[in-house]
């Protein structure tokens, strides 16, 4: 291995004095800036998010058989459902929707299910539950029958 001499890192002037070589800051700046700019351009063209995803397109409507649900104080609710699927959704089994409906409405009072505001709130809650249960394949829930006694 050869040792680096002192004169390799220094320049000798005309009067015989050694001065250290001046390193070029331009080369260092270019060596840093070029990769950073290339990475930024690559992100901009390939990885940049393109905005919010498009809204789902409505597909098939799947009607389900009406079921009876026991309410509080000996009353009952007969409710029928139809599920609006997103376009391209695979065939679904309605048993999860019926089970979620029973869980949501069972034991509620007549007053809770008869007011329009509360019924809309329950429908929204059911829709959110079904979107989760069917992994986004259900986009809307319709009541096709809603009778209390």
C-alpha atoms as a PDB file:
ATOM      1  CA  UNK A   1       0.000   0.000   0.000  1.00  0.00           C
ATOM      2  CA  UNK A   2       1.389   3.345  -0.878  1.00  0.00           C
ATOM      3  CA  UNK A   3       1.259   6.184   1.500  1.00  0.00           C
ATOM      4  CA  UNK A   4      -0.216   9.377   0.312  1.00  0.00           C
ATOM      5  CA  UNK A   5       2.356  12.101   0.274  1.00  0.00           C
ATOM      6  CA  UNK A   6       1.704  15.454   1.733  1.00  0.00           C
ATOM      7  CA  UNK A   7       1.954  17.022  -1.711  1.00  0.00           C
ATOM      8  CA  UNK A   8      -0.967  14.940  -3.064  1.00  0.00           C
ATOM      9  CA  UNK A   9      -3.472  17.013  -1.061  1.00  0.00           C
ATOM     10  CA  UNK A  10      -1.626  20.322  -1.514  1.00  0.00           C
ATOM     11  CA  UNK A  11      -0.480  22.577  -4.272  1.00  0.00           C
ATOM     12  CA  UNK A  12       3.043  23.958  -4.361  1.00  0.00           C
ATOM     13  CA  UNK A  13       3.166  27.667  -5.127  1.00  0.00           C
ATOM     14  CA  UNK A  14       5.899  29.453  -7.080  1.00  0.00           C
ATOM     15  CA  UNK A  15       7.678  30.513  -3.897  1.00  0.00           C
ATOM     16  CA  UNK A  16       7.795  26.883  -2.655  1.00  0.00           C
ATOM     17  CA  UNK A  17       4.993  26.998  -0.069  1.00  0.00           C
ATOM     18  CA  UNK A  18       2.390  24.306   0.073  1.00  0.00           C
ATOM     19  CA  UNK A  19      -1.261  25.307   0.131  1.00  0.00           C
ATOM     20  CA  UNK A  20      -4.132  22.841   0.458  1.00  0.00           C
ATOM     21  CA  UNK A  21      -6.062  22.120  -2.750  1.00  0.00           C
ATOM     22  CA  UNK A  22      -9.392  23.845  -2.978  1.00  0.00           C
ATOM     23  CA  UNK A  23     -12.152  21.262  -3.345  1.00  0.00           C
ATOM     24  CA  UNK A  24     -14.871  22.139  -5.771  1.00  0.00           C
ATOM     25  CA  UNK A  25     -18.188  22.821  -4.053  1.00  0.00           C
ATOM     26  CA  UNK A  26     -19.963  22.670  -7.394  1.00  0.00           C
ATOM     27  CA  UNK A  27     -19.217  18.965  -7.790  1.00  0.00           C
ATOM     28  CA  UNK A  28     -20.527  18.222  -4.311  1.00  0.00           C
ATOM     29  CA  UNK A  29     -23.643  20.298  -4.905  1.00  0.00           C
ATOM     30  CA  UNK A  30     -24.322  18.576  -8.224  1.00  0.00           C
ATOM     31  CA  UNK A  31     -23.712  15.156  -6.681  1.00  0.00           C
ATOM     32  CA  UNK A  32     -26.410  15.879  -4.093  1.00  0.00           C
ATOM     33  CA  UNK A  33     -28.913  17.854  -6.160  1.00  0.00           C
ATOM     34  CA  UNK A  34     -29.172  15.560  -9.188  1.00  0.00           C
ATOM     35  CA  UNK A  35     -30.347  12.459  -7.263  1.00  0.00           C
ATOM     36  CA  UNK A  36     -32.748  14.546  -5.158  1.00  0.00           C
ATOM     37  CA  UNK A  37     -34.262  16.104  -8.274  1.00  0.00           C
ATOM     38  CA  UNK A  38     -34.539  12.720  -9.979  1.00  0.00           C
ATOM     39  CA  UNK A  39     -36.285  11.221  -6.948  1.00  0.00           C
ATOM     40  CA  UNK A  40     -38.672  14.178  -6.780  1.00  0.00           C
ATOM     41  CA  UNK A  41     -39.503  13.876 -10.469  1.00  0.00           C
ATOM     42  CA  UNK A  42     -40.068  10.122 -10.099  1.00  0.00           C
ATOM     43  CA  UNK A  43     -42.470  10.705  -7.212  1.00  0.00           C
ATOM     44  CA  UNK A  44     -44.302  13.400  -9.155  1.00  0.00           C
ATOM     45  CA  UNK A  45     -44.895  11.217 -12.212  1.00  0.00           C
ATOM     46  CA  UNK A  46     -45.343   7.751 -10.701  1.00  0.00           C
ATOM     47  CA  UNK A  47     -46.372   7.893  -7.045  1.00  0.00           C
ATOM     48  CA  UNK A  48     -48.294  11.152  -6.750  1.00  0.00           C
ATOM     49  CA  UNK A  49     -51.884  10.506  -5.624  1.00  0.00           C
ATOM     50  CA  UNK A  50     -54.350  11.349  -8.352  1.00  0.00           C
ATOM     51  CA  UNK A  51     -57.114  12.627  -6.066  1.00  0.00           C
ATOM     52  CA  UNK A  52     -60.096  11.009  -4.406  1.00  0.00           C
ATOM     53  CA  UNK A  53     -61.371   7.724  -5.813  1.00  0.00           C
ATOM     54  CA  UNK A  54     -64.445   7.929  -8.040  1.00  0.00           C
ATOM     55  CA  UNK A  55     -67.796   7.302  -6.365  1.00  0.00           C
ATOM     56  CA  UNK A  56     -69.158   3.762  -6.677  1.00  0.00           C
ATOM     57  CA  UNK A  57     -71.518   3.003  -9.542  1.00  0.00           C
ATOM     58  CA  UNK A  58     -74.848   1.425  -8.668  1.00  0.00           C
ATOM     59  CA  UNK A  59     -75.288  -2.178  -9.725  1.00  0.00           C
ATOM     60  CA  UNK A  60     -77.904  -4.814  -9.049  1.00  0.00           C
ATOM     61  CA  UNK A  61     -80.613  -4.446  -6.370  1.00  0.00           C
ATOM     62  CA  UNK A  62     -81.058  -7.646  -4.349  1.00  0.00           C
ATOM     63  CA  UNK A  63     -84.428  -7.974  -2.573  1.00  0.00           C
ATOM     64  CA  UNK A  64     -84.482 -10.026   0.636  1.00  0.00           C
ATOM     65  CA  UNK A  65     -87.447 -11.805   2.207  1.00  0.00           C
ATOM     66  CA  UNK A  66     -89.251  -9.843   4.918  1.00  0.00           C
ATOM     67  CA  UNK A  67     -88.599 -10.919   8.517  1.00  0.00           C
ATOM     68  CA  UNK A  68     -90.342 -10.313  11.837  1.00  0.00           C
ATOM     69  CA  UNK A  69     -88.375  -8.813  14.702  1.00  0.00           C
ATOM     70  CA  UNK A  70     -89.548  -8.745  18.318  1.00  0.00           C
ATOM     71  CA  UNK A  71     -89.757  -5.252  19.762  1.00  0.00           C
ATOM     72  CA  UNK A  72     -90.188  -4.220  23.407  1.00  0.00           C
ATOM     73  CA  UNK A  73     -93.509  -4.719  25.268  1.00  0.00           C
ATOM     74  CA  UNK A  74     -94.725  -7.609  23.099  1.00  0.00           C
ATOM     75  CA  UNK A  75     -94.768  -5.643  19.839  1.00  0.00           C
ATOM     76  CA  UNK A  76     -93.131  -6.738  16.620  1.00  0.00           C
ATOM     77  CA  UNK A  77     -91.778  -5.255  13.426  1.00  0.00           C
ATOM     78  CA  UNK A  78     -92.070  -6.820  10.014  1.00  0.00           C
ATOM     79  CA  UNK A  79     -89.258  -5.434   7.879  1.00  0.00           C
ATOM     80  CA  UNK A  80     -88.287  -6.172   4.297  1.00  0.00           C
ATOM     81  CA  UNK A  81     -84.965  -5.130   2.813  1.00  0.00           C
ATOM     82  CA  UNK A  82     -83.406  -4.612  -0.585  1.00  0.00           C
ATOM     83  CA  UNK A  83     -79.657  -4.149  -0.955  1.00  0.00           C
ATOM     84  CA  UNK A  84     -78.204  -1.866  -3.628  1.00  0.00           C
ATOM     85  CA  UNK A  85     -74.907  -3.428  -4.701  1.00  0.00           C
ATOM     86  CA  UNK A  86     -72.019  -1.652  -6.370  1.00  0.00           C
ATOM     87  CA  UNK A  87     -71.336  -2.425  -9.993  1.00  0.00           C
ATOM     88  CA  UNK A  88     -69.246  -5.571 -10.350  1.00  0.00           C
ATOM     89  CA  UNK A  89     -70.056  -6.882  -6.867  1.00  0.00           C
ATOM     90  CA  UNK A  90     -70.017 -10.622  -6.570  1.00  0.00           C
ATOM     91  CA  UNK A  91     -73.153 -12.508  -5.587  1.00  0.00           C
ATOM     92  CA  UNK A  92     -74.012 -11.981  -1.930  1.00  0.00           C
ATOM     93  CA  UNK A  93     -75.831 -14.024   0.678  1.00  0.00           C
ATOM     94  CA  UNK A  94     -78.519 -12.000   2.459  1.00  0.00           C
ATOM     95  CA  UNK A  95     -78.190 -13.849   5.765  1.00  0.00           C
ATOM     96  CA  UNK A  96     -75.650 -11.335   7.147  1.00  0.00           C
ATOM     97  CA  UNK A  97     -78.007  -8.463   6.298  1.00  0.00           C
ATOM     98  CA  UNK A  98     -80.957 -10.158   7.978  1.00  0.00           C
ATOM     99  CA  UNK A  99     -78.875 -10.976  11.054  1.00  0.00           C
ATOM    100  CA  UNK A 100     -77.669  -7.368  11.331  1.00  0.00           C
ATOM    101  CA  UNK A 101     -81.271  -6.155  10.981  1.00  0.00           C
ATOM    102  CA  UNK A 102     -82.444  -8.435  13.798  1.00  0.00           C
ATOM    103  CA  UNK A 103     -79.576  -7.276  16.036  1.00  0.00           C
ATOM    104  CA  UNK A 104     -80.282  -3.620  15.332  1.00  0.00           C
ATOM    105  CA  UNK A 105     -84.069  -3.613  15.786  1.00  0.00           C
ATOM    106  CA  UNK A 106     -84.648  -6.289  18.461  1.00  0.00           C
ATOM    107  CA  UNK A 107     -85.876  -4.995  21.795  1.00  0.00           C
ATOM    108  CA  UNK A 108     -86.432  -1.408  20.653  1.00  0.00           C
ATOM    109  CA  UNK A 109     -89.621   0.395  21.615  1.00  0.00           C
ATOM    110  CA  UNK A 110     -92.376   1.196  19.117  1.00  0.00           C
ATOM    111  CA  UNK A 111     -91.647   4.902  19.520  1.00  0.00           C
ATOM    112  CA  UNK A 112     -88.028   4.376  18.452  1.00  0.00           C
ATOM    113  CA  UNK A 113     -88.900   2.670  15.186  1.00  0.00           C
ATOM    114  CA  UNK A 114     -91.959   4.768  14.265  1.00  0.00           C
ATOM    115  CA  UNK A 115     -90.473   8.270  14.191  1.00  0.00           C
ATOM    116  CA  UNK A 116     -89.041   9.211  10.812  1.00  0.00           C
ATOM    117  CA  UNK A 117     -85.900  10.729  12.311  1.00  0.00           C
ATOM    118  CA  UNK A 118     -85.085   7.631  14.383  1.00  0.00           C
ATOM    119  CA  UNK A 119     -85.935   5.260  11.510  1.00  0.00           C
ATOM    120  CA  UNK A 120     -83.547   7.178   9.238  1.00  0.00           C
ATOM    121  CA  UNK A 121     -80.840   6.996  11.917  1.00  0.00           C
ATOM    122  CA  UNK A 122     -81.346   3.226  12.289  1.00  0.00           C
ATOM    123  CA  UNK A 123     -81.255   2.805   8.495  1.00  0.00           C
ATOM    124  CA  UNK A 124     -77.935   4.688   8.331  1.00  0.00           C
ATOM    125  CA  UNK A 125     -76.525   2.530  11.121  1.00  0.00           C
ATOM    126  CA  UNK A 126     -77.681  -0.636   9.326  1.00  0.00           C
ATOM    127  CA  UNK A 127     -76.170   0.558   6.048  1.00  0.00           C
ATOM    128  CA  UNK A 128     -72.782   1.198   7.689  1.00  0.00           C
ATOM    129  CA  UNK A 129     -72.870  -2.255   9.279  1.00  0.00           C
ATOM    130  CA  UNK A 130     -73.654  -3.903   5.929  1.00  0.00           C
ATOM    131  CA  UNK A 131     -70.958  -1.976   4.070  1.00  0.00           C
ATOM    132  CA  UNK A 132     -68.503  -3.412   6.577  1.00  0.00           C
ATOM    133  CA  UNK A 133     -69.998  -6.929   6.553  1.00  0.00           C
ATOM    134  CA  UNK A 134     -70.017  -7.132   2.753  1.00  0.00           C
ATOM    135  CA  UNK A 135     -66.626  -5.397   2.297  1.00  0.00           C
ATOM    136  CA  UNK A 136     -67.994  -2.404   0.395  1.00  0.00           C
ATOM    137  CA  UNK A 137     -70.221  -4.363  -2.006  1.00  0.00           C
ATOM    138  CA  UNK A 138     -73.420  -2.842  -0.513  1.00  0.00           C
ATOM    139  CA  UNK A 139     -73.841   0.881  -1.154  1.00  0.00           C
ATOM    140  CA  UNK A 140     -77.456   1.422  -0.054  1.00  0.00           C
ATOM    141  CA  UNK A 141     -80.187  -0.256   1.982  1.00  0.00           C
ATOM    142  CA  UNK A 142     -83.876   0.132   1.165  1.00  0.00           C
ATOM    143  CA  UNK A 143     -86.810  -0.770   3.391  1.00  0.00           C
ATOM    144  CA  UNK A 144     -89.332  -2.529   1.157  1.00  0.00           C
ATOM    145  CA  UNK A 145     -91.672  -3.315   4.030  1.00  0.00           C
ATOM    146  CA  UNK A 146     -91.918  -1.721   7.463  1.00  0.00           C
ATOM    147  CA  UNK A 147     -94.963  -2.703   9.542  1.00  0.00           C
ATOM    148  CA  UNK A 148     -95.303  -2.598  13.323  1.00  0.00           C
ATOM    149  CA  UNK A 149     -97.928  -4.071  15.598  1.00  0.00           C
END
